[in-house]
Amino acid sequence: MYEVECLEETSGAVSSGTEVTVSTDVVAAEGVPELTEGDCVRVVFDGVQETYPVQLHTVFAIYLLDENGEAIDPT
């Protein structure tokens, strides 16, 4: 599990500034990138659980982002 802060609002599901718990049990062939504090990521998910902190339903993928906000190819 990762604790992350949402920096950009996500189609109404999670507001900017919200702390979110993200499961590393993803439904993707690429797996999960190794992350360190301060890394920016993009998380693909299908909904939220109304808990504190907010938890995401199914996580399909977690992508590490470069300094331009673009996903880094995991291969």
PDB file of N, CA and C in Angstrom:
ATOM      1  N   MET A   1       0.842  -1.189   0.000  1.00  0.00           N
ATOM      2  CA  MET A   1       0.000   0.000   0.000  1.00  0.00           C
ATOM      3  C   MET A   1       0.875   1.236   0.000  1.00  0.00           C
ATOM      4  N   TYR A   2       0.441   2.224  -0.736  1.00  0.00           N
ATOM      5  CA  TYR A   2       1.095   3.530  -0.761  1.00  0.00           C
ATOM      6  C   TYR A   2       0.109   4.574  -0.266  1.00  0.00           C
ATOM      7  N   GLU A   3       0.605   5.572   0.440  1.00  0.00           N
ATOM      8  CA  GLU A   3      -0.165   6.747   0.811  1.00  0.00           C
ATOM      9  C   GLU A   3       0.268   7.843  -0.152  1.00  0.00           C
ATOM     10  N   VAL A   4      -0.664   8.409  -0.900  1.00  0.00           N
ATOM     11  CA  VAL A   4      -0.334   9.453  -1.861  1.00  0.00           C
ATOM     12  C   VAL A   4      -1.264  10.638  -1.655  1.00  0.00           C
ATOM     13  N   GLU A   5      -0.862  11.785  -2.180  1.00  0.00           N
ATOM     14  CA  GLU A   5      -1.714  12.970  -2.167  1.00  0.00           C
ATOM     15  C   GLU A   5      -2.107  13.277  -3.600  1.00  0.00           C
ATOM     16  N   CYS A   6      -3.381  13.472  -3.820  1.00  0.00           N
ATOM     17  CA  CYS A   6      -3.886  13.800  -5.155  1.00  0.00           C
ATOM     18  C   CYS A   6      -3.504  15.242  -5.475  1.00  0.00           C
ATOM     19  N   LEU A   7      -2.761  15.448  -6.557  1.00  0.00           N
ATOM     20  CA  LEU A   7      -2.335  16.787  -6.953  1.00  0.00           C
ATOM     21  C   LEU A   7      -3.237  17.405  -8.007  1.00  0.00           C
ATOM     22  N   GLU A   8      -3.958  16.564  -8.736  1.00  0.00           N
ATOM     23  CA  GLU A   8      -4.887  17.041  -9.757  1.00  0.00           C
ATOM     24  C   GLU A   8      -6.214  16.322  -9.581  1.00  0.00           C
ATOM     25  N   GLU A   9      -7.320  17.074  -9.653  1.00  0.00           N
ATOM     26  CA  GLU A   9      -8.639  16.462  -9.506  1.00  0.00           C
ATOM     27  C   GLU A   9      -8.861  15.425 -10.591  1.00  0.00           C
ATOM     28  N   THR A  10      -9.482  14.318 -10.208  1.00  0.00           N
ATOM     29  CA  THR A  10      -9.677  13.197 -11.120  1.00  0.00           C
ATOM     30  C   THR A  10     -11.152  13.035 -11.456  1.00  0.00           C
ATOM     31  N   SER A  11     -11.568  13.533 -12.555  1.00  0.00           N
ATOM     32  CA  SER A  11     -12.949  13.383 -13.045  1.00  0.00           C
ATOM     33  C   SER A  11     -13.980  13.287 -11.923  1.00  0.00           C
ATOM     34  N   GLY A  12     -13.798  14.099 -10.888  1.00  0.00           N
ATOM     35  CA  GLY A  12     -14.767  14.165  -9.808  1.00  0.00           C
ATOM     36  C   GLY A  12     -14.639  13.100  -8.744  1.00  0.00           C
ATOM     37  N   ALA A  13     -13.792  12.092  -8.937  1.00  0.00           N
ATOM     38  CA  ALA A  13     -13.689  10.992  -7.977  1.00  0.00           C
ATOM     39  C   ALA A  13     -12.868  11.357  -6.751  1.00  0.00           C
ATOM     40  N   VAL A  14     -11.756  12.069  -6.953  1.00  0.00           N
ATOM     41  CA  VAL A  14     -10.865  12.438  -5.853  1.00  0.00           C
ATOM     42  C   VAL A  14     -10.454  13.895  -6.047  1.00  0.00           C
ATOM     43  N   SER A  15     -10.653  14.715  -5.021  1.00  0.00           N
ATOM     44  CA  SER A  15     -10.316  16.132  -5.110  1.00  0.00           C
ATOM     45  C   SER A  15      -8.838  16.366  -4.869  1.00  0.00           C
ATOM     46  N   SER A  16      -8.311  17.418  -5.468  1.00  0.00           N
ATOM     47  CA  SER A  16      -6.931  17.822  -5.261  1.00  0.00           C
ATOM     48  C   SER A  16      -6.684  18.066  -3.773  1.00  0.00           C
ATOM     49  N   GLY A  17      -5.544  17.595  -3.273  1.00  0.00           N
ATOM     50  CA  GLY A  17      -5.196  17.747  -1.865  1.00  0.00           C
ATOM     51  C   GLY A  17      -5.645  16.607  -0.975  1.00  0.00           C
ATOM     52  N   THR A  18      -6.431  15.674  -1.513  1.00  0.00           N
ATOM     53  CA  THR A  18      -6.934  14.543  -0.741  1.00  0.00           C
ATOM     54  C   THR A  18      -5.850  13.476  -0.605  1.00  0.00           C
ATOM     55  N   GLU A  19      -5.670  12.951   0.619  1.00  0.00           N
ATOM     56  CA  GLU A  19      -4.769  11.819   0.826  1.00  0.00           C
ATOM     57  C   GLU A  19      -5.500  10.536   0.464  1.00  0.00           C
ATOM     58  N   VAL A  20      -4.817   9.655  -0.260  1.00  0.00           N
ATOM     59  CA  VAL A  20      -5.429   8.436  -0.773  1.00  0.00           C
ATOM     60  C   VAL A  20      -4.523   7.249  -0.483  1.00  0.00           C
ATOM     61  N   THR A  21      -5.123   6.131  -0.060  1.00  0.00           N
ATOM     62  CA  THR A  21      -4.397   4.882   0.087  1.00  0.00           C
ATOM     63  C   THR A  21      -4.552   4.100  -1.208  1.00  0.00           C
ATOM     64  N   VAL A  22      -3.401   3.724  -1.808  1.00  0.00           N
ATOM     65  CA  VAL A  22      -3.400   3.025  -3.092  1.00  0.00           C
ATOM     66  C   VAL A  22      -2.833   1.625  -2.889  1.00  0.00           C
ATOM     67  N   SER A  23      -3.599   0.619  -3.243  1.00  0.00           N
ATOM     68  CA  SER A  23      -3.140  -0.764  -3.148  1.00  0.00           C
ATOM     69  C   SER A  23      -2.104  -1.049  -4.219  1.00  0.00           C
ATOM     70  N   THR A  24      -1.103  -1.838  -3.879  1.00  0.00           N
ATOM     71  CA  THR A  24      -0.106  -2.259  -4.865  1.00  0.00           C
ATOM     72  C   THR A  24      -0.523  -3.563  -5.543  1.00  0.00           C
ATOM     73  N   ASP A  25      -1.698  -4.074  -5.197  1.00  0.00           N
ATOM     74  CA  ASP A  25      -2.248  -5.266  -5.839  1.00  0.00           C
ATOM     75  C   ASP A  25      -2.998  -4.806  -7.081  1.00  0.00           C
ATOM     76  N   VAL A  26      -2.260  -4.584  -8.186  1.00  0.00           N
ATOM     77  CA  VAL A  26      -2.839  -4.010  -9.393  1.00  0.00           C
ATOM     78  C   VAL A  26      -3.222  -5.080 -10.404  1.00  0.00           C
ATOM     79  N   VAL A  27      -4.162  -4.709 -11.278  1.00  0.00           N
ATOM     80  CA  VAL A  27      -4.612  -5.593 -12.334  1.00  0.00           C
ATOM     81  C   VAL A  27      -3.926  -5.139 -13.625  1.00  0.00           C
ATOM     82  N   ALA A  28      -2.610  -5.379 -13.728  1.00  0.00           N
ATOM     83  CA  ALA A  28      -1.839  -4.974 -14.906  1.00  0.00           C
ATOM     84  C   ALA A  28      -0.620  -5.863 -15.043  1.00  0.00           C
ATOM     85  N   ALA A  29      -0.235  -6.128 -16.259  1.00  0.00           N
ATOM     86  CA  ALA A  29       0.913  -6.998 -16.505  1.00  0.00           C
ATOM     87  C   ALA A  29       2.223  -6.354 -16.096  1.00  0.00           C
ATOM     88  N   GLU A  30       2.292  -5.020 -16.106  1.00  0.00           N
ATOM     89  CA  GLU A  30       3.538  -4.326 -15.807  1.00  0.00           C
ATOM     90  C   GLU A  30       3.906  -4.358 -14.334  1.00  0.00           C
ATOM     91  N   GLY A  31       2.955  -4.620 -13.464  1.00  0.00           N
ATOM     92  CA  GLY A  31       3.225  -4.598 -12.036  1.00  0.00           C
ATOM     93  C   GLY A  31       3.265  -3.176 -11.508  1.00  0.00           C
ATOM     94  N   VAL A  32       4.019  -2.957 -10.437  1.00  0.00           N
ATOM     95  CA  VAL A  32       4.073  -1.664  -9.776  1.00  0.00           C
ATOM     96  C   VAL A  32       5.511  -1.158  -9.776  1.00  0.00           C
ATOM     97  N   PRO A  33       5.721   0.107 -10.174  1.00  0.00           N
ATOM     98  CA  PRO A  33       7.084   0.627 -10.144  1.00  0.00           C
ATOM     99  C   PRO A  33       7.564   0.789  -8.707  1.00  0.00           C
ATOM    100  N   GLU A  34       8.871   0.713  -8.512  1.00  0.00           N
ATOM    101  CA  GLU A  34       9.438   0.965  -7.192  1.00  0.00           C
ATOM    102  C   GLU A  34       9.408   2.474  -6.971  1.00  0.00           C
ATOM    103  N   LEU A  35       8.759   2.916  -5.894  1.00  0.00           N
ATOM    104  CA  LEU A  35       8.565   4.335  -5.648  1.00  0.00           C
ATOM    105  C   LEU A  35       9.319   4.791  -4.410  1.00  0.00           C
ATOM    106  N   THR A  36       9.699   6.061  -4.414  1.00  0.00           N
ATOM    107  CA  THR A  36      10.286   6.688  -3.247  1.00  0.00           C
ATOM    108  C   THR A  36       9.491   7.950  -2.938  1.00  0.00           C
ATOM    109  N   GLU A  37       9.605   8.426  -1.720  1.00  0.00           N
ATOM    110  CA  GLU A  37       8.876   9.620  -1.311  1.00  0.00           C
ATOM    111  C   GLU A  37       9.186  10.771  -2.266  1.00  0.00           C
ATOM    112  N   GLY A  38       8.150  11.468  -2.693  1.00  0.00           N
ATOM    113  CA  GLY A  38       8.309  12.588  -3.603  1.00  0.00           C
ATOM    114  C   GLY A  38       8.077  12.249  -5.058  1.00  0.00           C
ATOM    115  N   ASP A  39       8.017  10.950  -5.398  1.00  0.00           N
ATOM    116  CA  ASP A  39       7.738  10.554  -6.776  1.00  0.00           C
ATOM    117  C   ASP A  39       6.314  10.956  -7.153  1.00  0.00           C
ATOM    118  N   CYS A  40       6.122  11.304  -8.420  1.00  0.00           N
ATOM    119  CA  CYS A  40       4.787  11.586  -8.942  1.00  0.00           C
ATOM    120  C   CYS A  40       4.321  10.370  -9.727  1.00  0.00           C
ATOM    121  N   VAL A  41       3.059   9.997  -9.511  1.00  0.00           N
ATOM    122  CA  VAL A  41       2.503   8.823 -10.174  1.00  0.00           C
ATOM    123  C   VAL A  41       1.143   9.136 -10.763  1.00  0.00           C
ATOM    124  N   ARG A  42       0.732   8.321 -11.712  1.00  0.00           N
ATOM    125  CA  ARG A  42      -0.624   8.328 -12.241  1.00  0.00           C
ATOM    126  C   ARG A  42      -1.220   6.982 -11.883  1.00  0.00           C
ATOM    127  N   VAL A  43      -2.414   7.004 -11.282  1.00  0.00           N
ATOM    128  CA  VAL A  43      -3.072   5.776 -10.851  1.00  0.00           C
ATOM    129  C   VAL A  43      -4.356   5.614 -11.658  1.00  0.00           C
ATOM    130  N   VAL A  44      -4.518   4.432 -12.259  1.00  0.00           N
ATOM    131  CA  VAL A  44      -5.730   4.118 -13.019  1.00  0.00           C
ATOM    132  C   VAL A  44      -6.584   3.220 -12.128  1.00  0.00           C
ATOM    133  N   PHE A  45      -7.815   3.668 -11.833  1.00  0.00           N
ATOM    134  CA  PHE A  45      -8.672   2.949 -10.886  1.00  0.00           C
ATOM    135  C   PHE A  45     -10.128   3.089 -11.300  1.00  0.00           C
ATOM    136  N   ASP A  46     -11.018   2.339 -10.610  1.00  0.00           N
ATOM    137  CA  ASP A  46     -12.429   2.364 -11.007  1.00  0.00           C
ATOM    138  C   ASP A  46     -13.386   2.879  -9.951  1.00  0.00           C
ATOM    139  N   GLY A  47     -12.920   3.574  -8.953  1.00  0.00           N
ATOM    140  CA  GLY A  47     -13.824   4.144  -7.956  1.00  0.00           C
ATOM    141  C   GLY A  47     -13.135   4.282  -6.617  1.00  0.00           C
ATOM    142  N   VAL A  48     -13.838   4.933  -5.682  1.00  0.00           N
ATOM    143  CA  VAL A  48     -13.262   5.163  -4.366  1.00  0.00           C
ATOM    144  C   VAL A  48     -14.157   4.595  -3.279  1.00  0.00           C
ATOM    145  N   GLN A  49     -13.532   4.269  -2.154  1.00  0.00           N
ATOM    146  CA  GLN A  49     -14.257   3.853  -0.959  1.00  0.00           C
ATOM    147  C   GLN A  49     -14.283   5.052  -0.027  1.00  0.00           C
ATOM    148  N   GLU A  50     -15.416   5.347   0.538  1.00  0.00           N
ATOM    149  CA  GLU A  50     -15.561   6.491   1.436  1.00  0.00           C
ATOM    150  C   GLU A  50     -15.014   6.146   2.816  1.00  0.00           C
ATOM    151  N   THR A  51     -13.701   6.128   2.931  1.00  0.00           N
ATOM    152  CA  THR A  51     -13.023   5.846   4.193  1.00  0.00           C
ATOM    153  C   THR A  51     -12.046   6.985   4.445  1.00  0.00           C
ATOM    154  N   TYR A  52     -11.398   6.976   5.605  1.00  0.00           N
ATOM    155  CA  TYR A  52     -10.319   7.938   5.844  1.00  0.00           C
ATOM    156  C   TYR A  52      -9.066   7.193   6.211  1.00  0.00           C
ATOM    157  N   PRO A  53      -7.962   7.376   5.491  1.00  0.00           N
ATOM    158  CA  PRO A  53      -7.960   8.121   4.234  1.00  0.00           C
ATOM    159  C   PRO A  53      -8.732   7.379   3.157  1.00  0.00           C
ATOM    160  N   VAL A  54      -9.063   8.094   2.105  1.00  0.00           N
ATOM    161  CA  VAL A  54      -9.802   7.510   0.981  1.00  0.00           C
ATOM    162  C   VAL A  54      -9.017   6.328   0.431  1.00  0.00           C
ATOM    163  N   GLN A  55      -9.725   5.245   0.108  1.00  0.00           N
ATOM    164  CA  GLN A  55      -9.098   4.093  -0.526  1.00  0.00           C
ATOM    165  C   GLN A  55      -9.714   3.912  -1.901  1.00  0.00           C
ATOM    166  N   LEU A  56      -8.904   3.440  -2.829  1.00  0.00           N
ATOM    167  CA  LEU A  56      -9.385   3.224  -4.185  1.00  0.00           C
ATOM    168  C   LEU A  56      -9.913   1.804  -4.328  1.00  0.00           C
ATOM    169  N   HIS A  57     -10.977   1.654  -5.145  1.00  0.00           N
ATOM    170  CA  HIS A  57     -11.454   0.310  -5.475  1.00  0.00           C
ATOM    171  C   HIS A  57     -10.363  -0.357  -6.300  1.00  0.00           C
ATOM    172  N   THR A  58     -10.701  -1.107  -7.282  1.00  0.00           N
ATOM    173  CA  THR A  58      -9.727  -1.818  -8.108  1.00  0.00           C
ATOM    174  C   THR A  58      -8.721  -0.851  -8.728  1.00  0.00           C
ATOM    175  N   VAL A  59      -7.435  -1.133  -8.512  1.00  0.00           N
ATOM    176  CA  VAL A  59      -6.361  -0.353  -9.129  1.00  0.00           C
ATOM    177  C   VAL A  59      -5.868  -1.160 -10.323  1.00  0.00           C
ATOM    178  N   PHE A  60      -5.956  -0.561 -11.507  1.00  0.00           N
ATOM    179  CA  PHE A  60      -5.549  -1.247 -12.726  1.00  0.00           C
ATOM    180  C   PHE A  60      -4.077  -1.049 -13.035  1.00  0.00           C
ATOM    181  N   ALA A  61      -3.544   0.117 -12.709  1.00  0.00           N
ATOM    182  CA  ALA A  61      -2.135   0.395 -13.010  1.00  0.00           C
ATOM    183  C   ALA A  61      -1.646   1.589 -12.204  1.00  0.00           C
ATOM    184  N   ILE A  62      -0.341   1.595 -11.937  1.00  0.00           N
ATOM    185  CA  ILE A  62       0.336   2.732 -11.323  1.00  0.00           C
ATOM    186  C   ILE A  62       1.523   3.049 -12.225  1.00  0.00           C
ATOM    187  N   TYR A  63       1.573   4.283 -12.711  1.00  0.00           N
ATOM    188  CA  TYR A  63       2.651   4.706 -13.595  1.00  0.00           C
ATOM    189  C   TYR A  63       3.495   5.775 -12.921  1.00  0.00           C
ATOM    190  N   LEU A  64       4.794   5.614 -12.937  1.00  0.00           N
ATOM    191  CA  LEU A  64       5.719   6.632 -12.471  1.00  0.00           C
ATOM    192  C   LEU A  64       5.771   7.709 -13.549  1.00  0.00           C
ATOM    193  N   LEU A  65       5.766   9.000 -13.143  1.00  0.00           N
ATOM    194  CA  LEU A  65       5.768  10.096 -14.103  1.00  0.00           C
ATOM    195  C   LEU A  65       7.123  10.794 -14.130  1.00  0.00           C
ATOM    196  N   ASP A  66       7.476  11.322 -15.309  1.00  0.00           N
ATOM    197  CA  ASP A  66       8.713  12.099 -15.424  1.00  0.00           C
ATOM    198  C   ASP A  66       8.436  13.555 -15.032  1.00  0.00           C
ATOM    199  N   GLU A  67       9.436  14.435 -15.160  1.00  0.00           N
ATOM    200  CA  GLU A  67       9.303  15.829 -14.746  1.00  0.00           C
ATOM    201  C   GLU A  67       8.284  16.606 -15.574  1.00  0.00           C
ATOM    202  N   ASN A  68       7.871  16.071 -16.733  1.00  0.00           N
ATOM    203  CA  ASN A  68       6.863  16.714 -17.580  1.00  0.00           C
ATOM    204  C   ASN A  68       5.464  16.151 -17.338  1.00  0.00           C
ATOM    205  N   GLY A  69       5.351  15.217 -16.392  1.00  0.00           N
ATOM    206  CA  GLY A  69       4.047  14.619 -16.107  1.00  0.00           C
ATOM    207  C   GLY A  69       3.669  13.503 -17.052  1.00  0.00           C
ATOM    208  N   GLU A  70       4.636  13.013 -17.813  1.00  0.00           N
ATOM    209  CA  GLU A  70       4.397  11.913 -18.753  1.00  0.00           C
ATOM    210  C   GLU A  70       4.774  10.591 -18.103  1.00  0.00           C
ATOM    211  N   ALA A  71       4.017   9.544 -18.398  1.00  0.00           N
ATOM    212  CA  ALA A  71       4.297   8.211 -17.851  1.00  0.00           C
ATOM    213  C   ALA A  71       5.623   7.678 -18.386  1.00  0.00           C
ATOM    214  N   ILE A  72       6.418   7.126 -17.492  1.00  0.00           N
ATOM    215  CA  ILE A  72       7.693   6.520 -17.869  1.00  0.00           C
ATOM    216  C   ILE A  72       7.429   5.070 -18.268  1.00  0.00           C
ATOM    217  N   ASP A  73       7.921   4.683 -19.435  1.00  0.00           N
ATOM    218  CA  ASP A  73       7.740   3.324 -19.936  1.00  0.00           C
ATOM    219  C   ASP A  73       8.420   2.349 -18.963  1.00  0.00           C
ATOM    220  N   PRO A  74       7.657   1.390 -18.401  1.00  0.00           N
ATOM    221  CA  PRO A  74       8.228   0.475 -17.400  1.00  0.00           C
ATOM    222  C   PRO A  74       9.213  -0.544 -17.963  1.00  0.00           C
ATOM    223  N   THR A  75       9.342  -0.652 -19.289  1.00  0.00           N
ATOM    224  CA  THR A  75      10.253  -1.652 -19.863  1.00  0.00           C
ATOM    225  C   THR A  75      11.616  -1.091 -20.147  1.00  0.00           C
TER     226      THR A  75
END
